[in-house]
Structure formats: C-alpha cells, structure tokens
Amino acid sequence: MKAAVINQYGEIDDVVKVTEVPTPAVGPRDVLIEARAAGVNPVDHLIIKGFMRAGGLTQPLVIGNELAGVVAGTGAEVTGFAVGDEVFARVDPRIGGAFAEYVAVDQSLVAAKPQALSFEEAASLPLVGLTAWQALTEQANVGPGTRVLIHGGAGGVGSVAVQLAKHLGAEVVATAGADSTELVRRLGADQVIDYRAEKFDEILSGIDVVFDTIGGPTQDRSFRVLKPGGTLVSIVPIADIEAKKAEWNVDARAFYMRPHGEQLAHLADLVASGGLQPLLETTFPLDETADALRKVERGGARGKTVIRIPA
C-alpha cells in the first residue's frame, strides 16, 4: 500500500516520503480501515521532528493521527463494525499510521462516520473534536452560564471549541483575525475580538474559563482576564504553572487529548443534530503530504487541512 512515512526524525522536506509499505497486520481487536481522507495537525510536526517519541526509528514510521474511511476487515474480537461500514477515528498516538491507504485501529477508538459529512470533513474532526470536548467538559466543566474565552476561534481546534461551548450553554468569547470575525460569529461566538487590533486582556474580565490553543504571550496574558477561582486550560505547556496559579488565584492545567471512540460517537450525534460542523479549509492528495504538512506548519489556517486518499 502507499503511505507517507519517515525513516528518521528531522524537517518535513528532508524526511517525509510517500512510498510503498506493507499493509498493517490486523490484531484481534483491530478494525482495518481503507482510508479515504486523513486530517493534518500541528502534532504531526512534533512527531516528525522527534519530540513525541524517545529514541530513534528502527523501521519506517507511517505518520498521521486521524482519518475517515471504509471498513475493509475486522479482527476476531471486533463487535459493532462490519466490512463496508463508513467510520472515522483518532488513532493511537503511539502508533500513528493515518496517512496511508489502509490503517489498523483498535475498535475502541473507532466510531461510525456522520452520514452528513464527506470523508474529508469527517477526517478533519476526530483530533480537534476530542481535544475541544475534553478541554471543555473534563478539564473545565463548562455548562450553562459559564463565560468562556476561546483563543484561535477560526483555527482547527478553536472553531470546534466555539461550537461545543455554545452547545454546552456557555457565553462564548473568541479571539480571531478581522477577516474571520463573521465566520466565528456564525459558529456561535457571542463576542469576537480581533487579536491583531485589540488587546483582549484590556477588554475582558471576569472570565470563568479560558481555553488556550496558542501559548506564549497569549497564554500569559490570559491569566489577567480570569475571575478568582477561574480555570485556564491549555493544549500548550504552561511554564511556572504553580506560581501563576497562586499569583492569580485560579486553576490552570495543560493537557493532551486521548483517543476515545465513545466520545467520537457523541460528536457524530452532534453533527447529525446540527450542533457541530467541522471547518474544512484545504485538501491535498496523498502524494502531496509534505505540502499539506508545510501549510499547517505555517499556521494561520481557517479550519483544517486534509489529505485525500483515493479508493
């Protein structure tokens, strides 16, 4: 089968190759998915550069973390999925493998693809959807009446987080560029702050929850807008976290999402009910995986970049 692989860690242009590799073995709990599309994410760059794994590579590593496709086979212990089913999944990050024509995924990480979505749209959702859902519900307990600030409201994670926070009953404030203001409002934000022209920490106060997808100075300034006892949740590490919690009298936590098939099925239900729509920006063919990775590495996206994988 054809797949995007790395043989060593390094820069995208130096190490990412699309080549023929063996079809993955199918374990007893695995669903073999004939991939039709795979989402591209910033975490892919960390893996390619060796920041997510200890030691070197002893064999080619198929990269990629989320996909949508059709079930081509199942292990002996698999229940709930059959050949021909349309599915999507966030793969085990220790294994990867989504940028390939076939991917073996443990059944616990797989869910039925929302019928309303194309394969490309569905492939854009698992990683950002699970990240936003776990941040808002598990890390911050967002609910009716919660005032939430979401950074990067037009990005892959942020665009989903805006919709989910609104679904949970929150008052949603988001930062975005001026060219994305109307888009983010349509997604459900009650207030959008142009991060290029306005300083959110001079405008806002009394925020219950900040969901930080940016890090750096944006993360540092976010502590200023939280009310006492508020919560900052970040997908970027927080330096000097205990000192900042004490200084501002708030909770703060950085987390890394985990794959979860049942939560993915819940997100699919939200898509079906009209409460969630993934934001897809650009697609690339599998042979142009390096180009797709470079685009995401540059940042500034409005939604997700996806790799198309022909049947």
C-alpha atoms as a PDB file:
ATOM      1  CA  MET A   1       0.000   0.000   0.000  1.00  0.00           C
ATOM      2  CA  LYS A   2       1.015   3.634  -0.388  1.00  0.00           C
ATOM      3  CA  ALA A   3       1.746   5.693   2.721  1.00  0.00           C
ATOM      4  CA  ALA A   4       3.565   8.812   3.955  1.00  0.00           C
ATOM      5  CA  VAL A   5       6.488   7.700   6.116  1.00  0.00           C
ATOM      6  CA  ILE A   6       9.618   8.925   7.836  1.00  0.00           C
ATOM      7  CA  ASN A   7      12.787   6.868   8.235  1.00  0.00           C
ATOM      8  CA  GLN A   8      14.384   9.332  10.623  1.00  0.00           C
ATOM      9  CA  TYR A   9      13.414  12.426  12.563  1.00  0.00           C
ATOM     10  CA  GLY A  10      14.014  15.817  11.008  1.00  0.00           C
ATOM     11  CA  GLU A  11      12.493  18.560   8.857  1.00  0.00           C
ATOM     12  CA  ILE A  12       9.494  17.852   6.628  1.00  0.00           C
ATOM     13  CA  ASP A  13      11.318  18.369   3.322  1.00  0.00           C
ATOM     14  CA  ASP A  14      14.159  16.099   4.388  1.00  0.00           C
ATOM     15  CA  VAL A  15      12.366  13.106   5.871  1.00  0.00           C
ATOM     16  CA  VAL A  16       8.735  12.802   4.681  1.00  0.00           C
ATOM     17  CA  LYS A  17       8.344  10.410   1.746  1.00  0.00           C
ATOM     18  CA  VAL A  18       5.294   8.809   0.101  1.00  0.00           C
ATOM     19  CA  THR A  19       6.191   5.245  -0.762  1.00  0.00           C
ATOM     20  CA  GLU A  20       5.005   1.622  -0.779  1.00  0.00           C
ATOM     21  CA  VAL A  21       4.887  -0.151   2.601  1.00  0.00           C
ATOM     22  CA  PRO A  22       3.271  -3.399   3.803  1.00  0.00           C
ATOM     23  CA  THR A  23      -0.412  -3.315   4.693  1.00  0.00           C
ATOM     24  CA  PRO A  24      -0.666  -3.308   8.515  1.00  0.00           C
ATOM     25  CA  ALA A  25      -1.335  -6.538  10.379  1.00  0.00           C
ATOM     26  CA  VAL A  26      -4.800  -6.771  11.920  1.00  0.00           C
ATOM     27  CA  GLY A  27      -4.954  -7.739  15.585  1.00  0.00           C
ATOM     28  CA  PRO A  28      -7.959  -9.423  17.191  1.00  0.00           C
ATOM     29  CA  ARG A  29      -9.449  -6.091  18.344  1.00  0.00           C
ATOM     30  CA  ASP A  30      -8.487  -4.106  15.247  1.00  0.00           C
ATOM     31  CA  VAL A  31     -10.649  -2.584  12.554  1.00  0.00           C
ATOM     32  CA  LEU A  32      -8.830  -2.404   9.212  1.00  0.00           C
ATOM     33  CA  ILE A  33      -9.905   0.837   7.565  1.00  0.00           C
ATOM     34  CA  GLU A  34      -9.469   1.607   3.881  1.00  0.00           C
ATOM     35  CA  ALA A  35      -8.720   5.289   4.356  1.00  0.00           C
ATOM     36  CA  ARG A  36     -10.363   7.907   2.152  1.00  0.00           C
ATOM     37  CA  ALA A  37      -9.076  11.005   3.957  1.00  0.00           C
ATOM     38  CA  ALA A  38      -6.773  11.952   6.835  1.00  0.00           C
ATOM     39  CA  GLY A  39      -6.540  15.152   8.861  1.00  0.00           C
ATOM     40  CA  VAL A  40      -3.286  17.105   9.250  1.00  0.00           C
ATOM     41  CA  ASN A  41      -2.416  18.604  12.649  1.00  0.00           C
ATOM     42  CA  PRO A  42       0.391  20.534  14.354  1.00  0.00           C
ATOM     43  CA  VAL A  43       1.177  17.442  16.430  1.00  0.00           C
ATOM     44  CA  ASP A  44       2.312  15.738  13.210  1.00  0.00           C
ATOM     45  CA  HIS A  45       5.245  18.145  13.085  1.00  0.00           C
ATOM     46  CA  LEU A  46       6.261  17.283  16.641  1.00  0.00           C
ATOM     47  CA  ILE A  47       6.291  13.598  15.737  1.00  0.00           C
ATOM     48  CA  ILE A  48       8.246  14.175  12.522  1.00  0.00           C
ATOM     49  CA  LYS A  49      10.869  16.163  14.432  1.00  0.00           C
ATOM     50  CA  GLY A  50      11.153  13.527  17.173  1.00  0.00           C
ATOM     51  CA  PHE A  51       9.649  15.481  20.062  1.00  0.00           C
ATOM     52  CA  MET A  52       6.906  12.937  20.835  1.00  0.00           C
ATOM     53  CA  ARG A  53       8.912   9.708  20.928  1.00  0.00           C
ATOM     54  CA  ALA A  54      12.015   8.583  22.773  1.00  0.00           C
ATOM     55  CA  GLY A  55      14.935   7.065  20.860  1.00  0.00           C
ATOM     56  CA  GLY A  56      15.431   6.703  17.132  1.00  0.00           C
ATOM     57  CA  LEU A  57      13.485   4.886  14.447  1.00  0.00           C
ATOM     58  CA  THR A  58      14.315   1.254  13.730  1.00  0.00           C
ATOM     59  CA  GLN A  59      11.867   0.997  10.818  1.00  0.00           C
ATOM     60  CA  PRO A  60       9.830   3.398   8.656  1.00  0.00           C
ATOM     61  CA  LEU A  61       7.102   5.147  10.644  1.00  0.00           C
ATOM     62  CA  VAL A  62       3.782   5.830   8.907  1.00  0.00           C
ATOM     63  CA  ILE A  63       2.684   9.242  10.145  1.00  0.00           C
ATOM     64  CA  GLY A  64      -0.795  10.716  10.643  1.00  0.00           C
ATOM     65  CA  ASN A  65      -3.230  10.819  13.547  1.00  0.00           C
ATOM     66  CA  GLU A  66      -6.836  10.867  12.311  1.00  0.00           C
ATOM     67  CA  LEU A  67      -8.785   9.505   9.374  1.00  0.00           C
ATOM     68  CA  ALA A  68     -12.091   8.541   7.823  1.00  0.00           C
ATOM     69  CA  GLY A  69     -12.743   5.608   5.544  1.00  0.00           C
ATOM     70  CA  VAL A  70     -14.475   2.284   4.949  1.00  0.00           C
ATOM     71  CA  VAL A  71     -14.043  -0.890   6.992  1.00  0.00           C
ATOM     72  CA  ALA A  72     -12.091  -3.407   4.905  1.00  0.00           C
ATOM     73  CA  GLY A  73     -11.656  -6.097   7.561  1.00  0.00           C
ATOM     74  CA  THR A  74     -12.057  -6.839  11.259  1.00  0.00           C
ATOM     75  CA  GLY A  75     -10.240  -8.842  13.921  1.00  0.00           C
ATOM     76  CA  ALA A  76     -11.814 -11.877  15.543  1.00  0.00           C
ATOM     77  CA  GLU A  77     -12.885  -9.961  18.681  1.00  0.00           C
ATOM     78  CA  VAL A  78     -14.374  -6.937  16.935  1.00  0.00           C
ATOM     79  CA  THR A  79     -18.053  -6.224  17.540  1.00  0.00           C
ATOM     80  CA  GLY A  80     -20.124  -3.346  16.248  1.00  0.00           C
ATOM     81  CA  PHE A  81     -18.274  -2.862  12.957  1.00  0.00           C
ATOM     82  CA  ALA A  82     -18.521  -4.782   9.695  1.00  0.00           C
ATOM     83  CA  VAL A  83     -16.910  -4.668   6.271  1.00  0.00           C
ATOM     84  CA  GLY A  84     -18.350  -1.766   4.286  1.00  0.00           C
ATOM     85  CA  ASP A  85     -19.150   0.462   7.274  1.00  0.00           C
ATOM     86  CA  GLU A  86     -18.105   4.103   6.936  1.00  0.00           C
ATOM     87  CA  VAL A  87     -16.106   5.108  10.013  1.00  0.00           C
ATOM     88  CA  PHE A  88     -13.724   7.692  11.431  1.00  0.00           C
ATOM     89  CA  ALA A  89     -11.105   7.558  14.167  1.00  0.00           C
ATOM     90  CA  ARG A  90      -8.341   9.273  16.064  1.00  0.00           C
ATOM     91  CA  VAL A  91      -5.588   6.635  16.027  1.00  0.00           C
ATOM     92  CA  ASP A  92      -3.400   5.633  18.965  1.00  0.00           C
ATOM     93  CA  PRO A  93      -0.720   8.363  19.048  1.00  0.00           C
ATOM     94  CA  ARG A  94       1.897   5.769  19.986  1.00  0.00           C
ATOM     95  CA  ILE A  95       1.255   4.005  16.687  1.00  0.00           C
ATOM     96  CA  GLY A  96       0.121   6.653  14.170  1.00  0.00           C
ATOM     97  CA  GLY A  97      -0.430   5.406  10.633  1.00  0.00           C
ATOM     98  CA  ALA A  98      -3.275   7.569   9.311  1.00  0.00           C
ATOM     99  CA  PHE A  99      -1.518   8.881   6.172  1.00  0.00           C
ATOM    100  CA  ALA A 100      -1.922   5.567   4.378  1.00  0.00           C
ATOM    101  CA  GLU A 101      -4.278   3.633   2.150  1.00  0.00           C
ATOM    102  CA  TYR A 102      -5.005   1.147   4.965  1.00  0.00           C
ATOM    103  CA  VAL A 103      -4.922   1.714   8.715  1.00  0.00           C
ATOM    104  CA  ALA A 104      -5.465  -0.803  11.546  1.00  0.00           C
ATOM    105  CA  VAL A 105      -7.156   0.838  14.544  1.00  0.00           C
ATOM    106  CA  ASP A 106      -8.334  -0.644  17.847  1.00  0.00           C
ATOM    107  CA  GLN A 107     -12.135  -0.831  17.824  1.00  0.00           C
ATOM    108  CA  SER A 108     -12.358   1.296  20.997  1.00  0.00           C
ATOM    109  CA  LEU A 109     -11.052   4.294  19.031  1.00  0.00           C
ATOM    110  CA  VAL A 110     -13.432   3.976  16.051  1.00  0.00           C
ATOM    111  CA  ALA A 111     -16.917   5.434  15.537  1.00  0.00           C
ATOM    112  CA  ALA A 112     -19.454   5.461  12.717  1.00  0.00           C
ATOM    113  CA  LYS A 113     -18.849   8.374  10.348  1.00  0.00           C
ATOM    114  CA  PRO A 114     -21.585  11.021  10.439  1.00  0.00           C
ATOM    115  CA  GLN A 115     -23.676  10.454   7.327  1.00  0.00           C
ATOM    116  CA  ALA A 116     -23.987  14.189   6.711  1.00  0.00           C
ATOM    117  CA  LEU A 117     -20.226  14.611   6.332  1.00  0.00           C
ATOM    118  CA  SER A 118     -17.944  13.801   3.432  1.00  0.00           C
ATOM    119  CA  PHE A 119     -14.902  11.649   4.161  1.00  0.00           C
ATOM    120  CA  GLU A 120     -12.750  14.795   4.053  1.00  0.00           C
ATOM    121  CA  GLU A 121     -14.971  16.624   6.548  1.00  0.00           C
ATOM    122  CA  ALA A 122     -15.135  13.602   8.839  1.00  0.00           C
ATOM    123  CA  ALA A 123     -11.363  13.132   8.766  1.00  0.00           C
ATOM    124  CA  SER A 124     -10.900  16.722   9.949  1.00  0.00           C
ATOM    125  CA  LEU A 125     -12.881  16.193  13.157  1.00  0.00           C
ATOM    126  CA  PRO A 126     -11.502  13.464  15.484  1.00  0.00           C
ATOM    127  CA  LEU A 127      -8.392  15.117  16.924  1.00  0.00           C
ATOM    128  CA  VAL A 128      -9.730  18.664  17.199  1.00  0.00           C
ATOM    129  CA  GLY A 129     -13.176  17.482  18.258  1.00  0.00           C
ATOM    130  CA  LEU A 130     -11.899  15.282  21.065  1.00  0.00           C
ATOM    131  CA  THR A 131      -9.438  17.958  22.158  1.00  0.00           C
ATOM    132  CA  ALA A 132     -12.141  20.613  22.426  1.00  0.00           C
ATOM    133  CA  TRP A 133     -14.665  18.274  24.058  1.00  0.00           C
ATOM    134  CA  GLN A 134     -12.249  17.018  26.702  1.00  0.00           C
ATOM    135  CA  ALA A 135     -10.969  20.537  27.422  1.00  0.00           C
ATOM    136  CA  LEU A 136     -14.434  21.979  27.921  1.00  0.00           C
ATOM    137  CA  THR A 137     -16.147  19.089  29.713  1.00  0.00           C
ATOM    138  CA  GLU A 138     -13.459  17.124  31.545  1.00  0.00           C
ATOM    139  CA  GLN A 139     -10.900  19.823  32.277  1.00  0.00           C
ATOM    140  CA  ALA A 140     -13.149  22.843  32.796  1.00  0.00           C
ATOM    141  CA  ASN A 141     -16.717  21.570  33.382  1.00  0.00           C
ATOM    142  CA  VAL A 142     -18.248  24.164  31.070  1.00  0.00           C
ATOM    143  CA  GLY A 143     -22.017  24.438  31.278  1.00  0.00           C
ATOM    144  CA  PRO A 144     -24.928  26.885  31.167  1.00  0.00           C
ATOM    145  CA  GLY A 145     -23.916  30.326  32.367  1.00  0.00           C
ATOM    146  CA  THR A 146     -20.171  29.738  32.023  1.00  0.00           C
ATOM    147  CA  ARG A 147     -18.322  32.627  30.405  1.00  0.00           C
ATOM    148  CA  VAL A 148     -15.640  31.130  28.150  1.00  0.00           C
ATOM    149  CA  LEU A 149     -12.800  32.744  26.206  1.00  0.00           C
ATOM    150  CA  ILE A 150     -11.520  30.619  23.317  1.00  0.00           C
ATOM    151  CA  HIS A 151      -8.296  31.646  21.618  1.00  0.00           C
ATOM    152  CA  GLY A 152      -7.877  30.959  17.902  1.00  0.00           C
ATOM    153  CA  GLY A 153     -11.608  30.760  17.217  1.00  0.00           C
ATOM    154  CA  ALA A 154     -11.127  30.253  13.469  1.00  0.00           C
ATOM    155  CA  GLY A 155      -8.487  27.532  13.787  1.00  0.00           C
ATOM    156  CA  GLY A 156      -8.969  23.787  13.743  1.00  0.00           C
ATOM    157  CA  VAL A 157      -9.436  23.288  17.493  1.00  0.00           C
ATOM    158  CA  GLY A 158     -10.876  26.726  18.184  1.00  0.00           C
ATOM    159  CA  SER A 159     -13.610  26.542  15.548  1.00  0.00           C
ATOM    160  CA  VAL A 160     -14.890  23.300  17.056  1.00  0.00           C
ATOM    161  CA  ALA A 161     -14.499  24.591  20.628  1.00  0.00           C
ATOM    162  CA  VAL A 162     -16.660  27.634  19.853  1.00  0.00           C
ATOM    163  CA  GLN A 163     -19.464  25.376  18.631  1.00  0.00           C
ATOM    164  CA  LEU A 164     -19.174  22.922  21.516  1.00  0.00           C
ATOM    165  CA  ALA A 165     -19.046  25.650  24.161  1.00  0.00           C
ATOM    166  CA  LYS A 166     -22.210  27.153  22.708  1.00  0.00           C
ATOM    167  CA  HIS A 167     -23.832  23.700  22.672  1.00  0.00           C
ATOM    168  CA  LEU A 168     -22.966  23.342  26.364  1.00  0.00           C
ATOM    169  CA  GLY A 169     -24.786  26.584  27.139  1.00  0.00           C
ATOM    170  CA  ALA A 170     -21.813  28.895  27.654  1.00  0.00           C
ATOM    171  CA  GLU A 171     -21.420  32.562  26.791  1.00  0.00           C
ATOM    172  CA  VAL A 172     -18.641  32.389  24.215  1.00  0.00           C
ATOM    173  CA  VAL A 173     -15.952  34.988  23.557  1.00  0.00           C
ATOM    174  CA  ALA A 174     -13.337  34.173  20.922  1.00  0.00           C
ATOM    175  CA  THR A 175     -10.210  35.773  19.513  1.00  0.00           C
ATOM    176  CA  ALA A 176      -9.666  35.724  15.744  1.00  0.00           C
ATOM    177  CA  GLY A 177      -8.366  37.863  12.899  1.00  0.00           C
ATOM    178  CA  ALA A 178     -10.633  40.564  11.492  1.00  0.00           C
ATOM    179  CA  ASP A 179     -11.129  38.550   8.301  1.00  0.00           C
ATOM    180  CA  SER A 180     -12.547  35.669  10.362  1.00  0.00           C
ATOM    181  CA  THR A 181     -14.885  37.656  12.635  1.00  0.00           C
ATOM    182  CA  GLU A 182     -18.122  36.876  10.811  1.00  0.00           C
ATOM    183  CA  LEU A 183     -17.164  33.220  10.413  1.00  0.00           C
ATOM    184  CA  VAL A 184     -16.543  32.812  14.139  1.00  0.00           C
ATOM    185  CA  ARG A 185     -19.809  34.573  14.942  1.00  0.00           C
ATOM    186  CA  ARG A 186     -21.634  32.129  12.665  1.00  0.00           C
ATOM    187  CA  LEU A 187     -20.024  29.280  14.565  1.00  0.00           C
ATOM    188  CA  GLY A 188     -21.666  30.595  17.723  1.00  0.00           C
ATOM    189  CA  ALA A 189     -19.401  33.162  19.364  1.00  0.00           C
ATOM    190  CA  ASP A 190     -21.266  35.928  21.187  1.00  0.00           C
ATOM    191  CA  GLN A 191     -18.256  38.242  21.002  1.00  0.00           C
ATOM    192  CA  VAL A 192     -15.205  38.148  18.711  1.00  0.00           C
ATOM    193  CA  ILE A 193     -12.052  40.128  19.489  1.00  0.00           C
ATOM    194  CA  ASP A 194      -9.621  40.970  16.698  1.00  0.00           C
ATOM    195  CA  TYR A 195      -6.338  39.846  18.203  1.00  0.00           C
ATOM    196  CA  ARG A 196      -4.325  41.975  15.769  1.00  0.00           C
ATOM    197  CA  ALA A 197      -6.065  45.282  16.540  1.00  0.00           C
ATOM    198  CA  GLU A 198      -7.337  44.783  20.106  1.00  0.00           C
ATOM    199  CA  LYS A 199      -5.848  43.573  23.384  1.00  0.00           C
ATOM    200  CA  PHE A 200      -8.237  41.045  24.822  1.00  0.00           C
ATOM    201  CA  ASP A 201      -6.799  41.485  28.340  1.00  0.00           C
ATOM    202  CA  GLU A 202      -7.704  45.177  28.266  1.00  0.00           C
ATOM    203  CA  ILE A 203     -11.267  44.420  27.154  1.00  0.00           C
ATOM    204  CA  LEU A 204     -12.254  41.363  29.183  1.00  0.00           C
ATOM    205  CA  SER A 205     -12.521  40.493  32.861  1.00  0.00           C
ATOM    206  CA  GLY A 206     -14.474  38.036  34.982  1.00  0.00           C
ATOM    207  CA  ILE A 207     -13.975  35.122  32.597  1.00  0.00           C
ATOM    208  CA  ASP A 208     -14.792  31.695  34.070  1.00  0.00           C
ATOM    209  CA  VAL A 209     -12.765  29.575  31.630  1.00  0.00           C
ATOM    210  CA  VAL A 210     -10.016  30.328  29.124  1.00  0.00           C
ATOM    211  CA  PHE A 211      -9.279  27.671  26.526  1.00  0.00           C
ATOM    212  CA  ASP A 212      -5.804  28.446  25.203  1.00  0.00           C
ATOM    213  CA  THR A 213      -4.739  26.974  21.863  1.00  0.00           C
ATOM    214  CA  ILE A 214      -1.918  29.465  21.263  1.00  0.00           C
ATOM    215  CA  GLY A 215       0.540  29.511  24.182  1.00  0.00           C
ATOM    216  CA  GLY A 216       3.319  32.070  24.626  1.00  0.00           C
ATOM    217  CA  PRO A 217       2.375  35.682  25.487  1.00  0.00           C
ATOM    218  CA  THR A 218      -1.292  34.980  24.714  1.00  0.00           C
ATOM    219  CA  GLN A 219      -1.310  32.321  27.413  1.00  0.00           C
ATOM    220  CA  ASP A 220       0.457  34.576  29.921  1.00  0.00           C
ATOM    221  CA  ARG A 221      -1.974  37.456  29.341  1.00  0.00           C
ATOM    222  CA  SER A 222      -4.948  35.122  29.700  1.00  0.00           C
ATOM    223  CA  PHE A 223      -4.436  34.816  33.456  1.00  0.00           C
ATOM    224  CA  ARG A 224      -5.366  38.513  33.772  1.00  0.00           C
ATOM    225  CA  VAL A 225      -8.907  38.059  32.449  1.00  0.00           C
ATOM    226  CA  LEU A 226      -9.914  35.154  34.696  1.00  0.00           C
ATOM    227  CA  LYS A 227     -12.084  35.783  37.708  1.00  0.00           C
ATOM    228  CA  PRO A 228     -10.779  34.450  41.047  1.00  0.00           C
ATOM    229  CA  GLY A 229     -11.276  30.683  41.027  1.00  0.00           C
ATOM    230  CA  GLY A 230     -11.477  30.591  37.235  1.00  0.00           C
ATOM    231  CA  THR A 231      -9.751  27.993  35.079  1.00  0.00           C
ATOM    232  CA  LEU A 232      -7.221  28.199  32.273  1.00  0.00           C
ATOM    233  CA  VAL A 233      -6.998  25.061  30.143  1.00  0.00           C
ATOM    234  CA  SER A 234      -4.246  24.875  27.533  1.00  0.00           C
ATOM    235  CA  ILE A 235      -3.068  22.447  24.890  1.00  0.00           C
ATOM    236  CA  VAL A 236       0.323  24.148  25.198  1.00  0.00           C
ATOM    237  CA  PRO A 237       2.587  23.558  28.253  1.00  0.00           C
ATOM    238  CA  ILE A 238       2.289  26.201  30.993  1.00  0.00           C
ATOM    239  CA  ALA A 239       5.609  27.435  32.388  1.00  0.00           C
ATOM    240  CA  ASP A 240       5.789  28.078  36.174  1.00  0.00           C
ATOM    241  CA  ILE A 241       2.242  26.814  36.495  1.00  0.00           C
ATOM    242  CA  GLU A 242       2.092  26.607  40.290  1.00  0.00           C
ATOM    243  CA  ALA A 243       3.413  30.144  40.723  1.00  0.00           C
ATOM    244  CA  LYS A 244       0.876  31.511  38.234  1.00  0.00           C
ATOM    245  CA  LYS A 245      -1.995  29.672  39.912  1.00  0.00           C
ATOM    246  CA  ALA A 246      -1.026  31.184  43.247  1.00  0.00           C
ATOM    247  CA  GLU A 247      -0.438  34.678  41.845  1.00  0.00           C
ATOM    248  CA  TRP A 248      -3.804  34.913  40.116  1.00  0.00           C
ATOM    249  CA  ASN A 249      -5.838  32.668  42.484  1.00  0.00           C
ATOM    250  CA  VAL A 250      -7.006  30.456  39.627  1.00  0.00           C
ATOM    251  CA  ASP A 251      -6.739  26.877  38.434  1.00  0.00           C
ATOM    252  CA  ALA A 252      -4.568  26.135  35.400  1.00  0.00           C
ATOM    253  CA  ARG A 253      -3.853  22.924  33.577  1.00  0.00           C
ATOM    254  CA  ALA A 254      -2.260  21.786  30.348  1.00  0.00           C
ATOM    255  CA  PHE A 255      -3.449  18.532  28.858  1.00  0.00           C
ATOM    256  CA  TYR A 256      -3.061  16.265  25.856  1.00  0.00           C
ATOM    257  CA  MET A 257      -6.207  14.719  24.472  1.00  0.00           C
ATOM    258  CA  ARG A 258      -6.694  10.969  24.410  1.00  0.00           C
ATOM    259  CA  PRO A 259      -8.402   8.925  21.680  1.00  0.00           C
ATOM    260  CA  HIS A 260     -11.913   7.876  22.698  1.00  0.00           C
ATOM    261  CA  GLY A 261     -14.371   6.138  20.385  1.00  0.00           C
ATOM    262  CA  GLU A 262     -17.457   6.727  22.552  1.00  0.00           C
ATOM    263  CA  GLN A 263     -16.808  10.451  22.729  1.00  0.00           C
ATOM    264  CA  LEU A 264     -16.246  10.474  18.985  1.00  0.00           C
ATOM    265  CA  ALA A 265     -19.644   8.822  18.538  1.00  0.00           C
ATOM    266  CA  HIS A 266     -21.172  11.580  20.693  1.00  0.00           C
ATOM    267  CA  LEU A 267     -19.595  14.205  18.437  1.00  0.00           C
ATOM    268  CA  ALA A 268     -21.077  12.377  15.452  1.00  0.00           C
ATOM    269  CA  ASP A 269     -24.502  12.658  17.097  1.00  0.00           C
ATOM    270  CA  LEU A 270     -23.966  16.412  17.492  1.00  0.00           C
ATOM    271  CA  VAL A 271     -23.148  16.644  13.783  1.00  0.00           C
ATOM    272  CA  ALA A 272     -26.353  14.750  12.968  1.00  0.00           C
ATOM    273  CA  SER A 273     -28.435  17.098  15.142  1.00  0.00           C
ATOM    274  CA  GLY A 274     -26.922  20.211  13.580  1.00  0.00           C
ATOM    275  CA  GLY A 275     -24.945  21.242  16.665  1.00  0.00           C
ATOM    276  CA  LEU A 276     -21.500  20.766  15.142  1.00  0.00           C
ATOM    277  CA  GLN A 277     -19.973  21.274  11.705  1.00  0.00           C
ATOM    278  CA  PRO A 278     -16.250  20.787  11.072  1.00  0.00           C
ATOM    279  CA  LEU A 279     -14.472  23.637   9.343  1.00  0.00           C
ATOM    280  CA  LEU A 280     -12.503  22.337   6.351  1.00  0.00           C
ATOM    281  CA  GLU A 281     -10.105  24.743   4.636  1.00  0.00           C
ATOM    282  CA  THR A 282      -7.885  22.863   2.158  1.00  0.00           C
ATOM    283  CA  THR A 283      -7.296  19.360   0.807  1.00  0.00           C
ATOM    284  CA  PHE A 284      -4.181  17.786  -0.724  1.00  0.00           C
ATOM    285  CA  PRO A 285      -3.689  14.399  -2.435  1.00  0.00           C
ATOM    286  CA  LEU A 286      -1.666  11.770  -0.572  1.00  0.00           C
ATOM    287  CA  ASP A 287       1.301  12.270  -2.905  1.00  0.00           C
ATOM    288  CA  GLU A 288       1.481  15.891  -1.695  1.00  0.00           C
ATOM    289  CA  THR A 289       1.542  15.092   2.020  1.00  0.00           C
ATOM    290  CA  ALA A 290       4.701  17.153   2.550  1.00  0.00           C
ATOM    291  CA  ASP A 291       2.963  20.198   1.044  1.00  0.00           C
ATOM    292  CA  ALA A 292      -0.008  19.706   3.384  1.00  0.00           C
ATOM    293  CA  LEU A 293       2.308  19.440   6.386  1.00  0.00           C
ATOM    294  CA  ARG A 294       4.170  22.590   5.397  1.00  0.00           C
ATOM    295  CA  LYS A 295       0.907  24.504   5.073  1.00  0.00           C
ATOM    296  CA  VAL A 296      -0.163  23.551   8.585  1.00  0.00           C
ATOM    297  CA  GLU A 297       3.306  24.331   9.929  1.00  0.00           C
ATOM    298  CA  ARG A 298       2.984  27.908   8.617  1.00  0.00           C
ATOM    299  CA  GLY A 299      -0.132  28.421  10.755  1.00  0.00           C
ATOM    300  CA  GLY A 300      -2.892  30.973  10.277  1.00  0.00           C
ATOM    301  CA  ALA A 301      -5.442  28.477   8.985  1.00  0.00           C
ATOM    302  CA  ARG A 302      -9.191  28.927   8.979  1.00  0.00           C
ATOM    303  CA  GLY A 303     -10.177  25.359   9.748  1.00  0.00           C
ATOM    304  CA  LYS A 304      -8.460  22.098   8.919  1.00  0.00           C
ATOM    305  CA  THR A 305      -6.197  20.795   6.177  1.00  0.00           C
ATOM    306  CA  VAL A 306      -6.969  17.254   4.979  1.00  0.00           C
ATOM    307  CA  ILE A 307      -5.200  14.688   2.800  1.00  0.00           C
ATOM    308  CA  ARG A 308      -7.346  12.910   0.184  1.00  0.00           C
ATOM    309  CA  ILE A 309      -6.658   9.208  -0.267  1.00  0.00           C
ATOM    310  CA  PRO A 310      -8.190   7.662  -3.411  1.00  0.00           C
ATOM    311  CA  ALA A 311     -10.133   4.415  -3.153  1.00  0.00           C
END
